[in-house]
Every structure is written in structure tokens, then in C-alpha cells.
PDB file of N, CA and C in Angstrom:
ATOM      1  N   MET A   1       0.833  -1.125  -0.004  1.00  0.00           N
ATOM      2  CA  MET A   1       0.049   0.077   0.085  1.00  0.00           C
ATOM      3  C   MET A   1       0.778   1.334  -0.081  1.00  0.00           C
ATOM      4  N   SER A   2       0.368   2.125  -0.960  1.00  0.00           N
ATOM      5  CA  SER A   2       1.416   3.473  -1.017  1.00  0.00           C
ATOM      6  C   SER A   2       1.158   4.310   0.294  1.00  0.00           C
ATOM      7  N   GLU A   3       2.043   5.294   0.508  1.00  0.00           N
ATOM      8  CA  GLU A   3       2.018   6.051   1.687  1.00  0.00           C
ATOM      9  C   GLU A   3       0.631   7.068   1.473  1.00  0.00           C
ATOM     10  N   GLU A   4       0.353   7.446   0.297  1.00  0.00           N
ATOM     11  CA  GLU A   4      -0.617   8.256  -0.248  1.00  0.00           C
ATOM     12  C   GLU A   4      -2.012   7.550   0.065  1.00  0.00           C
ATOM     13  N   ALA A   5      -2.142   6.369  -0.229  1.00  0.00           N
ATOM     14  CA  ALA A   5      -3.257   5.542  -0.045  1.00  0.00           C
ATOM     15  C   ALA A   5      -3.489   5.271   1.444  1.00  0.00           C
ATOM     16  N   MET A   6      -2.364   5.053   2.228  1.00  0.00           N
ATOM     17  CA  MET A   6      -2.468   4.774   3.659  1.00  0.00           C
ATOM     18  C   MET A   6      -3.019   6.028   4.482  1.00  0.00           C
ATOM     19  N   ARG A   7      -2.551   7.249   3.899  1.00  0.00           N
ATOM     20  CA  ARG A   7      -2.904   8.576   4.432  1.00  0.00           C
ATOM     21  C   ARG A   7      -4.482   8.718   4.197  1.00  0.00           C
ATOM     22  N   GLU A   8      -4.985   8.365   2.977  1.00  0.00           N
ATOM     23  CA  GLU A   8      -6.282   8.398   2.726  1.00  0.00           C
ATOM     24  C   GLU A   8      -7.160   7.523   3.525  1.00  0.00           C
ATOM     25  N   GLU A   9      -6.729   6.407   3.786  1.00  0.00           N
ATOM     26  CA  GLU A   9      -7.363   5.469   4.570  1.00  0.00           C
ATOM     27  C   GLU A   9      -7.439   5.859   5.957  1.00  0.00           C
ATOM     28  N   VAL A  10      -6.504   6.434   6.530  1.00  0.00           N
ATOM     29  CA  VAL A  10      -6.473   7.014   7.986  1.00  0.00           C
ATOM     30  C   VAL A  10      -7.351   8.049   8.020  1.00  0.00           C
ATOM     31  N   ALA A  11      -7.480   9.080   7.058  1.00  0.00           N
ATOM     32  CA  ALA A  11      -8.168  10.164   6.932  1.00  0.00           C
ATOM     33  C   ALA A  11      -9.702   9.758   6.860  1.00  0.00           C
ATOM     34  N   GLN A  12     -10.038   8.895   6.223  1.00  0.00           N
ATOM     35  CA  GLN A  12     -11.374   8.175   6.230  1.00  0.00           C
ATOM     36  C   GLN A  12     -11.774   7.500   7.543  1.00  0.00           C
ATOM     37  N   ALA A  13     -10.807   6.810   8.310  1.00  0.00           N
ATOM     38  CA  ALA A  13     -11.164   6.449   9.527  1.00  0.00           C
ATOM     39  C   ALA A  13     -11.440   7.404  10.540  1.00  0.00           C
ATOM     40  N   VAL A  14     -10.768   8.250  10.441  1.00  0.00           N
ATOM     41  CA  VAL A  14     -10.886   9.556  11.406  1.00  0.00           C
ATOM     42  C   VAL A  14     -12.092  10.215  11.030  1.00  0.00           C
ATOM     43  N   GLU A  15     -12.522  10.411   9.906  1.00  0.00           N
ATOM     44  CA  GLU A  15     -13.977  11.090   9.583  1.00  0.00           C
ATOM     45  C   GLU A  15     -14.880  10.356  10.127  1.00  0.00           C
ATOM     46  N   VAL A  16     -14.986   8.941   9.948  1.00  0.00           N
ATOM     47  CA  VAL A  16     -15.832   8.002  10.402  1.00  0.00           C
ATOM     48  C   VAL A  16     -16.085   8.068  11.940  1.00  0.00           C
ATOM     49  N   ALA A  17     -14.897   8.034  12.481  1.00  0.00           N
ATOM     50  CA  ALA A  17     -14.941   8.233  14.064  1.00  0.00           C
ATOM     51  C   ALA A  17     -15.552   9.562  14.597  1.00  0.00           C
ATOM     52  N   ALA A  18     -15.073  10.556  13.894  1.00  0.00           N
ATOM     53  CA  ALA A  18     -15.667  11.935  14.091  1.00  0.00           C
ATOM     54  C   ALA A  18     -17.211  11.949  13.920  1.00  0.00           C
ATOM     55  N   ASN A  19     -17.557  11.566  12.836  1.00  0.00           N
ATOM     56  CA  ASN A  19     -19.091  11.503  12.677  1.00  0.00           C
ATOM     57  C   ASN A  19     -19.819  10.562  13.696  1.00  0.00           C
ATOM     58  N   LYS A  20     -19.268   9.458  13.993  1.00  0.00           N
ATOM     59  CA  LYS A  20     -19.993   8.750  15.093  1.00  0.00           C
ATOM     60  C   LYS A  20     -19.966   9.410  16.379  1.00  0.00           C
ATOM     61  N   ALA A  21     -18.797  10.017  16.680  1.00  0.00           N
ATOM     62  CA  ALA A  21     -18.881  10.828  18.047  1.00  0.00           C
ATOM     63  C   ALA A  21     -19.929  11.870  17.964  1.00  0.00           C
ATOM     64  N   ALA A  22     -19.988  12.585  16.844  1.00  0.00           N
ATOM     65  CA  ALA A  22     -20.949  13.636  16.637  1.00  0.00           C
ATOM     66  C   ALA A  22     -22.385  13.201  16.884  1.00  0.00           C
ATOM     67  N   GLU A  23     -22.607  11.991  16.089  1.00  0.00           N
ATOM     68  CA  GLU A  23     -23.898  11.364  16.279  1.00  0.00           C
ATOM     69  C   GLU A  23     -24.185  11.114  17.788  1.00  0.00           C
ATOM     70  N   GLU A  24     -23.357  10.524  18.518  1.00  0.00           N
ATOM     71  CA  GLU A  24     -23.578  10.088  19.674  1.00  0.00           C
ATOM     72  C   GLU A  24     -23.899  11.294  20.701  1.00  0.00           C
ATOM     73  N   GLU A  25     -23.085  12.548  20.338  1.00  0.00           N
ATOM     74  CA  GLU A  25     -23.353  13.600  21.183  1.00  0.00           C
ATOM     75  C   GLU A  25     -24.623  14.270  20.976  1.00  0.00           C
ATOM     76  N   ILE A  26     -25.091  14.249  19.651  1.00  0.00           N
ATOM     77  CA  ILE A  26     -26.456  14.722  19.364  1.00  0.00           C
ATOM     78  C   ILE A  26     -27.521  13.821  19.877  1.00  0.00           C
ATOM     79  N   SER A  27     -27.274  12.630  20.029  1.00  0.00           N
ATOM     80  CA  SER A  27     -28.301  11.727  20.725  1.00  0.00           C
ATOM     81  C   SER A  27     -28.471  11.978  22.029  1.00  0.00           C
ATOM     82  N   LYS A  28     -27.071  12.210  22.648  1.00  0.00           N
ATOM     83  CA  LYS A  28     -27.401  12.460  24.381  1.00  0.00           C
ATOM     84  C   LYS A  28     -28.062  13.754  24.449  1.00  0.00           C
ATOM     85  N   LEU A  29     -27.722  14.930  23.576  1.00  0.00           N
ATOM     86  CA  LEU A  29     -28.443  16.095  23.827  1.00  0.00           C
ATOM     87  C   LEU A  29     -29.845  15.947  23.535  1.00  0.00           C
ATOM     88  N   ALA A  30     -30.423  15.459  22.551  1.00  0.00           N
ATOM     89  CA  ALA A  30     -31.814  15.085  22.260  1.00  0.00           C
ATOM     90  C   ALA A  30     -32.356  14.329  23.332  1.00  0.00           C
ATOM     91  N   GLU A  31     -31.709  13.387  24.015  1.00  0.00           N
ATOM     92  CA  GLU A  31     -32.387  12.529  25.104  1.00  0.00           C
ATOM     93  C   GLU A  31     -32.498  13.431  26.157  1.00  0.00           C
ATOM     94  N   PHE A  32     -31.340  14.334  26.676  1.00  0.00           N
ATOM     95  CA  PHE A  32     -31.371  15.254  27.631  1.00  0.00           C
ATOM     96  C   PHE A  32     -32.443  16.254  27.529  1.00  0.00           C
ATOM     97  N   GLU A  33     -32.633  16.750  26.348  1.00  0.00           N
ATOM     98  CA  GLU A  33     -33.629  17.907  26.061  1.00  0.00           C
ATOM     99  C   GLU A  33     -35.039  17.173  26.389  1.00  0.00           C
ATOM    100  N   SER A  34     -35.295  16.061  25.947  1.00  0.00           N
ATOM    101  CA  SER A  34     -36.617  15.348  26.002  1.00  0.00           C
ATOM    102  C   SER A  34     -36.751  15.081  27.664  1.00  0.00           C
ATOM    103  N   ALA A  35     -35.777  14.831  28.280  1.00  0.00           N
ATOM    104  CA  ALA A  35     -36.082  14.493  29.627  1.00  0.00           C
ATOM    105  C   ALA A  35     -36.286  16.025  30.469  1.00  0.00           C
ATOM    106  N   ILE A  36     -35.667  17.090  30.201  1.00  0.00           N
ATOM    107  CA  ILE A  36     -35.947  18.214  30.697  1.00  0.00           C
ATOM    108  C   ILE A  36     -37.446  18.664  30.151  1.00  0.00           C
ATOM    109  N   ASP A  37     -37.798  18.442  29.002  1.00  0.00           N
ATOM    110  CA  ASP A  37     -39.201  18.834  28.624  1.00  0.00           C
ATOM    111  C   ASP A  37     -40.210  18.151  29.313  1.00  0.00           C
ATOM    112  N   GLU A  38     -40.075  16.840  29.569  1.00  0.00           N
ATOM    113  CA  GLU A  38     -41.050  15.989  30.446  1.00  0.00           C
ATOM    114  C   GLU A  38     -41.124  16.555  31.863  1.00  0.00           C
ATOM    115  N   THR A  39     -39.844  16.979  32.295  1.00  0.00           N
ATOM    116  CA  THR A  39     -39.801  17.422  33.789  1.00  0.00           C
ATOM    117  C   THR A  39     -40.445  18.633  33.786  1.00  0.00           C
ATOM    118  N   LEU A  40     -40.313  19.564  32.872  1.00  0.00           N
ATOM    119  CA  LEU A  40     -40.931  20.932  32.901  1.00  0.00           C
ATOM    120  C   LEU A  40     -42.385  20.853  32.837  1.00  0.00           C
ATOM    121  N   ALA A  41     -42.859  19.884  32.008  1.00  0.00           N
ATOM    122  CA  ALA A  41     -44.520  19.550  31.673  1.00  0.00           C
ATOM    123  C   ALA A  41     -45.100  19.096  33.046  1.00  0.00           C
ATOM    124  N   SER A  42     -44.228  18.470  33.762  1.00  0.00           N
ATOM    125  CA  SER A  42     -44.794  17.972  35.173  1.00  0.00           C
ATOM    126  C   SER A  42     -44.923  19.091  36.259  1.00  0.00           C
ATOM    127  N   GLY A  43     -44.144  20.292  35.938  1.00  0.00           N
ATOM    128  CA  GLY A  43     -44.264  21.274  36.825  1.00  0.00           C
ATOM    129  C   GLY A  43     -43.284  21.199  37.993  1.00  0.00           C
ATOM    130  N   TYR A  44     -42.480  20.252  37.804  1.00  0.00           N
ATOM    131  CA  TYR A  44     -41.452  19.904  38.938  1.00  0.00           C
ATOM    132  C   TYR A  44     -40.420  21.060  39.116  1.00  0.00           C
ATOM    133  N   LEU A  45     -40.146  21.585  37.997  1.00  0.00           N
ATOM    134  CA  LEU A  45     -39.069  22.681  37.907  1.00  0.00           C
ATOM    135  C   LEU A  45     -39.554  24.028  37.978  1.00  0.00           C
ATOM    136  N   ASP A  46     -40.800  24.019  38.141  1.00  0.00           N
ATOM    137  CA  ASP A  46     -41.421  25.550  38.197  1.00  0.00           C
ATOM    138  C   ASP A  46     -40.615  26.522  39.149  1.00  0.00           C
ATOM    139  N   ASP A  47     -40.391  26.075  40.384  1.00  0.00           N
ATOM    140  CA  ASP A  47     -39.548  26.936  41.303  1.00  0.00           C
ATOM    141  C   ASP A  47     -38.111  27.267  41.037  1.00  0.00           C
ATOM    142  N   THR A  48     -37.594  26.411  39.927  1.00  0.00           N
ATOM    143  CA  THR A  48     -36.128  26.489  39.514  1.00  0.00           C
ATOM    144  C   THR A  48     -36.028  27.536  38.533  1.00  0.00           C
ATOM    145  N   LEU A  49     -37.107  27.767  37.818  1.00  0.00           N
ATOM    146  CA  LEU A  49     -37.053  28.708  36.741  1.00  0.00           C
ATOM    147  C   LEU A  49     -37.054  30.154  36.985  1.00  0.00           C
ATOM    148  N   THR A  50     -36.049  30.537  37.508  1.00  0.00           N
ATOM    149  CA  THR A  50     -36.069  32.055  38.129  1.00  0.00           C
ATOM    150  C   THR A  50     -35.888  33.086  37.173  1.00  0.00           C
ATOM    151  N   VAL A  51     -35.347  32.820  35.818  1.00  0.00           N
ATOM    152  CA  VAL A  51     -35.043  33.766  35.082  1.00  0.00           C
ATOM    153  C   VAL A  51     -36.191  33.785  33.840  1.00  0.00           C
ATOM    154  N   THR A  52     -36.723  34.897  33.849  1.00  0.00           N
ATOM    155  CA  THR A  52     -37.787  35.082  32.834  1.00  0.00           C
ATOM    156  C   THR A  52     -37.371  36.399  31.785  1.00  0.00           C
ATOM    157  N   ASP A  53     -37.814  36.321  30.641  1.00  0.00           N
ATOM    158  CA  ASP A  53     -37.630  37.417  29.603  1.00  0.00           C
ATOM    159  C   ASP A  53     -38.536  38.649  29.818  1.00  0.00           C
ATOM    160  N   ALA A  54     -38.525  39.535  28.947  1.00  0.00           N
ATOM    161  CA  ALA A  54     -39.321  40.757  29.120  1.00  0.00           C
ATOM    162  C   ALA A  54     -40.759  40.304  29.061  1.00  0.00           C
ATOM    163  N   ASP A  55     -41.326  39.168  28.393  1.00  0.00           N
ATOM    164  CA  ASP A  55     -42.517  38.697  28.278  1.00  0.00           C
ATOM    165  C   ASP A  55     -43.057  37.838  29.448  1.00  0.00           C
ATOM    166  N   GLY A  56     -42.137  37.524  30.467  1.00  0.00           N
ATOM    167  CA  GLY A  56     -42.268  36.805  31.512  1.00  0.00           C
ATOM    168  C   GLY A  56     -42.474  35.205  31.190  1.00  0.00           C
ATOM    169  N   VAL A  57     -41.459  34.943  29.958  1.00  0.00           N
ATOM    170  CA  VAL A  57     -41.351  33.706  29.715  1.00  0.00           C
ATOM    171  C   VAL A  57     -39.966  33.010  30.063  1.00  0.00           C
ATOM    172  N   ALA A  58     -40.072  31.860  30.805  1.00  0.00           N
ATOM    173  CA  ALA A  58     -38.863  31.270  31.405  1.00  0.00           C
ATOM    174  C   ALA A  58     -38.113  30.663  30.161  1.00  0.00           C
ATOM    175  N   GLN A  59     -37.091  31.180  29.574  1.00  0.00           N
ATOM    176  CA  GLN A  59     -36.428  30.370  28.545  1.00  0.00           C
ATOM    177  C   GLN A  59     -35.456  29.276  29.250  1.00  0.00           C
ATOM    178  N   VAL A  60     -35.475  28.115  28.542  1.00  0.00           N
ATOM    179  CA  VAL A  60     -34.913  26.917  29.195  1.00  0.00           C
ATOM    180  C   VAL A  60     -33.547  26.559  28.032  1.00  0.00           C
ATOM    181  N   LEU A  61     -32.461  26.358  28.640  1.00  0.00           N
ATOM    182  CA  LEU A  61     -31.519  25.916  27.641  1.00  0.00           C
ATOM    183  C   LEU A  61     -30.898  24.824  28.148  1.00  0.00           C
ATOM    184  N   PRO A  62     -31.092  23.585  27.719  1.00  0.00           N
ATOM    185  CA  PRO A  62     -30.305  22.178  28.135  1.00  0.00           C
ATOM    186  C   PRO A  62     -29.007  22.248  27.361  1.00  0.00           C
ATOM    187  N   VAL A  63     -27.777  21.876  27.929  1.00  0.00           N
ATOM    188  CA  VAL A  63     -26.477  21.679  27.420  1.00  0.00           C
ATOM    189  C   VAL A  63     -25.950  20.396  27.975  1.00  0.00           C
ATOM    190  N   LEU A  64     -24.778  19.947  27.438  1.00  0.00           N
ATOM    191  CA  LEU A  64     -24.131  18.854  27.975  1.00  0.00           C
ATOM    192  C   LEU A  64     -22.779  19.478  28.465  1.00  0.00           C
ATOM    193  N   ASP A  65     -22.221  18.855  29.290  1.00  0.00           N
ATOM    194  CA  ASP A  65     -20.890  19.383  29.930  1.00  0.00           C
ATOM    195  C   ASP A  65     -19.734  19.146  28.835  1.00  0.00           C
ATOM    196  N   SER A  66     -20.022  18.296  27.890  1.00  0.00           N
ATOM    197  CA  SER A  66     -19.121  18.014  26.980  1.00  0.00           C
ATOM    198  C   SER A  66     -19.082  18.918  25.769  1.00  0.00           C
ATOM    199  N   GLU A  67     -20.038  19.880  25.791  1.00  0.00           N
ATOM    200  CA  GLU A  67     -20.116  20.646  24.577  1.00  0.00           C
ATOM    201  C   GLU A  67     -19.130  21.842  24.828  1.00  0.00           C
ATOM    202  N   PRO A  68     -18.672  22.357  23.681  1.00  0.00           N
ATOM    203  CA  PRO A  68     -17.760  23.621  23.837  1.00  0.00           C
ATOM    204  C   PRO A  68     -18.792  24.811  24.377  1.00  0.00           C
ATOM    205  N   ILE A  69     -18.044  25.772  25.077  1.00  0.00           N
ATOM    206  CA  ILE A  69     -18.658  26.839  25.853  1.00  0.00           C
ATOM    207  C   ILE A  69     -19.294  27.625  24.736  1.00  0.00           C
ATOM    208  N   SER A  70     -18.707  27.540  23.483  1.00  0.00           N
ATOM    209  CA  SER A  70     -19.540  28.317  22.306  1.00  0.00           C
ATOM    210  C   SER A  70     -20.717  28.062  22.095  1.00  0.00           C
ATOM    211  N   HIS A  71     -21.161  26.702  22.261  1.00  0.00           N
ATOM    212  CA  HIS A  71     -22.605  26.308  22.119  1.00  0.00           C
ATOM    213  C   HIS A  71     -23.412  27.078  23.196  1.00  0.00           C
ATOM    214  N   LEU A  72     -23.044  27.030  24.372  1.00  0.00           N
ATOM    215  CA  LEU A  72     -23.764  27.753  25.439  1.00  0.00           C
ATOM    216  C   LEU A  72     -24.015  29.104  25.013  1.00  0.00           C
ATOM    217  N   VAL A  73     -22.906  29.746  24.650  1.00  0.00           N
ATOM    218  CA  VAL A  73     -22.925  31.180  24.232  1.00  0.00           C
ATOM    219  C   VAL A  73     -23.914  31.470  23.183  1.00  0.00           C
ATOM    220  N   GLU A  74     -23.921  30.641  22.053  1.00  0.00           N
ATOM    221  CA  GLU A  74     -24.751  30.721  20.963  1.00  0.00           C
ATOM    222  C   GLU A  74     -26.229  30.603  21.374  1.00  0.00           C
ATOM    223  N   GLY A  75     -26.397  29.590  22.315  1.00  0.00           N
ATOM    224  CA  GLY A  75     -27.793  29.265  22.674  1.00  0.00           C
ATOM    225  C   GLY A  75     -28.242  30.527  23.597  1.00  0.00           C
ATOM    226  N   LEU A  76     -27.402  31.119  24.362  1.00  0.00           N
ATOM    227  CA  LEU A  76     -27.730  32.137  25.110  1.00  0.00           C
ATOM    228  C   LEU A  76     -28.238  33.342  24.100  1.00  0.00           C
ATOM    229  N   GLU A  77     -27.368  33.590  23.109  1.00  0.00           N
ATOM    230  CA  GLU A  77     -27.728  34.801  22.117  1.00  0.00           C
ATOM    231  C   GLU A  77     -29.048  34.375  21.431  1.00  0.00           C
ATOM    232  N   ALA A  78     -29.275  33.187  21.147  1.00  0.00           N
ATOM    233  CA  ALA A  78     -30.483  32.836  20.460  1.00  0.00           C
ATOM    234  C   ALA A  78     -31.923  32.980  21.300  1.00  0.00           C
ATOM    235  N   VAL A  79     -31.744  32.857  22.434  1.00  0.00           N
ATOM    236  CA  VAL A  79     -32.871  33.142  23.356  1.00  0.00           C
ATOM    237  C   VAL A  79     -32.860  34.684  23.936  1.00  0.00           C
ATOM    238  N   GLY A  80     -31.989  35.469  23.623  1.00  0.00           N
ATOM    239  CA  GLY A  80     -31.979  36.758  24.222  1.00  0.00           C
ATOM    240  C   GLY A  80     -31.212  37.209  25.146  1.00  0.00           C
ATOM    241  N   GLY A  81     -30.443  36.349  25.527  1.00  0.00           N
ATOM    242  CA  GLY A  81     -29.290  36.774  26.478  1.00  0.00           C
ATOM    243  C   GLY A  81     -29.678  36.381  28.076  1.00  0.00           C
ATOM    244  N   SER A  82     -30.774  35.729  28.377  1.00  0.00           N
ATOM    245  CA  SER A  82     -30.957  35.276  29.617  1.00  0.00           C
ATOM    246  C   SER A  82     -31.669  33.919  29.422  1.00  0.00           C
ATOM    247  N   ALA A  83     -31.519  32.908  30.346  1.00  0.00           N
ATOM    248  CA  ALA A  83     -32.044  31.774  30.250  1.00  0.00           C
ATOM    249  C   ALA A  83     -31.927  31.027  31.579  1.00  0.00           C
ATOM    250  N   ASN A  84     -32.701  29.816  31.945  1.00  0.00           N
ATOM    251  CA  ASN A  84     -32.569  28.939  32.741  1.00  0.00           C
ATOM    252  C   ASN A  84     -31.593  27.757  32.205  1.00  0.00           C
ATOM    253  N   VAL A  85     -30.368  27.673  32.600  1.00  0.00           N
ATOM    254  CA  VAL A  85     -29.478  26.626  31.917  1.00  0.00           C
ATOM    255  C   VAL A  85     -29.459  25.313  32.778  1.00  0.00           C
ATOM    256  N   PHE A  86     -29.859  24.278  32.108  1.00  0.00           N
ATOM    257  CA  PHE A  86     -29.611  23.008  32.640  1.00  0.00           C
ATOM    258  C   PHE A  86     -28.281  22.254  31.984  1.00  0.00           C
ATOM    259  N   VAL A  87     -27.271  21.941  32.801  1.00  0.00           N
ATOM    260  CA  VAL A  87     -26.226  21.209  32.426  1.00  0.00           C
ATOM    261  C   VAL A  87     -26.106  19.721  32.853  1.00  0.00           C
ATOM    262  N   HIS A  88     -26.098  18.972  31.830  1.00  0.00           N
ATOM    263  CA  HIS A  88     -26.045  17.586  32.181  1.00  0.00           C
ATOM    264  C   HIS A  88     -24.597  17.133  32.449  1.00  0.00           C
ATOM    265  N   THR A  89     -24.226  16.646  33.551  1.00  0.00           N
ATOM    266  CA  THR A  89     -22.725  16.280  33.942  1.00  0.00           C
ATOM    267  C   THR A  89     -22.830  14.785  34.262  1.00  0.00           C
ATOM    268  N   SER A  90     -21.484  14.296  34.496  1.00  0.00           N
ATOM    269  CA  SER A  90     -21.521  12.869  34.965  1.00  0.00           C
ATOM    270  C   SER A  90     -22.153  12.685  36.209  1.00  0.00           C
ATOM    271  N   ALA A  91     -22.078  13.842  37.053  1.00  0.00           N
ATOM    272  CA  ALA A  91     -22.545  13.657  38.482  1.00  0.00           C
ATOM    273  C   ALA A  91     -23.988  14.030  38.624  1.00  0.00           C
ATOM    274  N   GLY A  92     -24.479  14.586  37.463  1.00  0.00           N
ATOM    275  CA  GLY A  92     -25.926  14.721  37.496  1.00  0.00           C
ATOM    276  C   GLY A  92     -26.341  16.211  36.762  1.00  0.00           C
ATOM    277  N   VAL A  93     -27.532  16.602  37.276  1.00  0.00           N
ATOM    278  CA  VAL A  93     -27.763  17.890  36.423  1.00  0.00           C
ATOM    279  C   VAL A  93     -27.684  19.147  37.385  1.00  0.00           C
ATOM    280  N   VAL A  94     -27.054  20.070  36.739  1.00  0.00           N
ATOM    281  CA  VAL A  94     -26.763  21.393  37.371  1.00  0.00           C
ATOM    282  C   VAL A  94     -27.708  22.444  36.782  1.00  0.00           C
ATOM    283  N   ALA A  95     -28.196  23.436  37.546  1.00  0.00           N
ATOM    284  CA  ALA A  95     -29.203  24.457  36.995  1.00  0.00           C
ATOM    285  C   ALA A  95     -28.435  25.735  37.220  1.00  0.00           C
ATOM    286  N   LEU A  96     -28.288  26.510  36.340  1.00  0.00           N
ATOM    287  CA  LEU A  96     -27.782  27.780  36.147  1.00  0.00           C
ATOM    288  C   LEU A  96     -28.627  28.939  35.763  1.00  0.00           C
ATOM    289  N   SER A  97     -28.564  29.894  36.485  1.00  0.00           N
ATOM    290  CA  SER A  97     -29.340  31.178  36.083  1.00  0.00           C
ATOM    291  C   SER A  97     -28.625  32.311  35.281  1.00  0.00           C
ATOM    292  N   VAL A  98     -28.620  32.369  34.054  1.00  0.00           N
ATOM    293  CA  VAL A  98     -28.125  33.334  33.400  1.00  0.00           C
ATOM    294  C   VAL A  98     -28.956  34.585  33.298  1.00  0.00           C
ATOM    295  N   VAL A  99     -28.751  35.454  34.021  1.00  0.00           N
ATOM    296  CA  VAL A  99     -29.881  36.800  34.027  1.00  0.00           C
ATOM    297  C   VAL A  99     -29.516  37.725  32.993  1.00  0.00           C
ATOM    298  N   GLU A 100     -28.312  38.025  32.453  1.00  0.00           N
ATOM    299  CA  GLU A 100     -27.934  38.824  31.311  1.00  0.00           C
ATOM    300  C   GLU A 100     -26.746  38.578  30.661  1.00  0.00           C
ATOM    301  N   TYR A 101     -26.725  38.129  29.310  1.00  0.00           N
ATOM    302  CA  TYR A 101     -25.533  38.303  28.492  1.00  0.00           C
ATOM    303  C   TYR A 101     -25.810  39.025  27.286  1.00  0.00           C
ATOM    304  N   LYS A 102     -24.722  39.904  27.304  1.00  0.00           N
ATOM    305  CA  LYS A 102     -24.923  41.243  26.092  1.00  0.00           C
ATOM    306  C   LYS A 102     -23.507  41.231  25.655  1.00  0.00           C
ATOM    307  N   PRO A 103     -23.143  40.233  24.671  1.00  0.00           N
ATOM    308  CA  PRO A 103     -21.713  40.467  24.322  1.00  0.00           C
ATOM    309  C   PRO A 103     -21.392  41.674  23.353  1.00  0.00           C
ATOM    310  N   ASN A 104     -22.343  42.367  22.726  1.00  0.00           N
ATOM    311  CA  ASN A 104     -22.007  43.317  21.873  1.00  0.00           C
ATOM    312  C   ASN A 104     -22.452  44.699  22.436  1.00  0.00           C
ATOM    313  N   GLU A 105     -22.646  44.649  23.627  1.00  0.00           N
ATOM    314  CA  GLU A 105     -23.033  46.102  24.229  1.00  0.00           C
ATOM    315  C   GLU A 105     -21.979  46.351  25.105  1.00  0.00           C
ATOM    316  N   GLU A 106     -21.493  47.853  24.938  1.00  0.00           N
ATOM    317  CA  GLU A 106     -20.440  48.322  25.747  1.00  0.00           C
ATOM    318  C   GLU A 106     -20.844  48.506  27.179  1.00  0.00           C
ATOM    319  N   GLU A 107     -20.140  48.420  27.934  1.00  0.00           N
ATOM    320  CA  GLU A 107     -20.427  48.718  29.438  1.00  0.00           C
ATOM    321  C   GLU A 107     -20.292  49.914  29.758  1.00  0.00           C
TER     322      GLU A 107
END
């Protein structure tokens, strides 16, 4: 096998492994989001949802501790800068209250 063919084979194997890891991460996040949705529907987390937007809606942002922090920041930006964040960790679920995130506003 030539060196070029070996490099191509290694590159393909790396791509397959990366795709599989990404699929597993997406599956874990979807499962966690579903669990949060079910718990929210039960009313169990009502007292935990302390952050609301200007309309009084409690935005919820579930994330995995294995995700890059940039995903959390993007999620916060998508919901207007404040949210009740639930982080799935190996030790359980952590609830964070992000009251204000305004990256483009001067202080």
C-alpha cells in the first residue's frame, strides 16, 4: 500500500470516528432535552425557573458538559441573553441562572 493510499485510509477512518462521536453527542443532547421537557411539563421545575424574559417567559437551555462553551454562548444569544440553563454532567444535572448576557453592548 502506498503512503498516499495509507493517508487516505487514515483520513477516512478519522472522519468516520468523528461522525460517530458527533452522532452520539447529538443523541445524548436530544435525550437530555426530552427529559428536561418532560420534567418541565410535570411542573417539578417551576420553582427552579427563576429567569424570565421581558414577556415573562422562562427560557430553558439544556446543554451537555461535553459541549464547547461556544454552544452555550450561541444558545444564550438565540434566546435573547437570559435563560435557565440545565447542564447534564456525569454527576447529575446542574441548574444555572443566566440573568444577562450582552456580548455586543459596551459597559
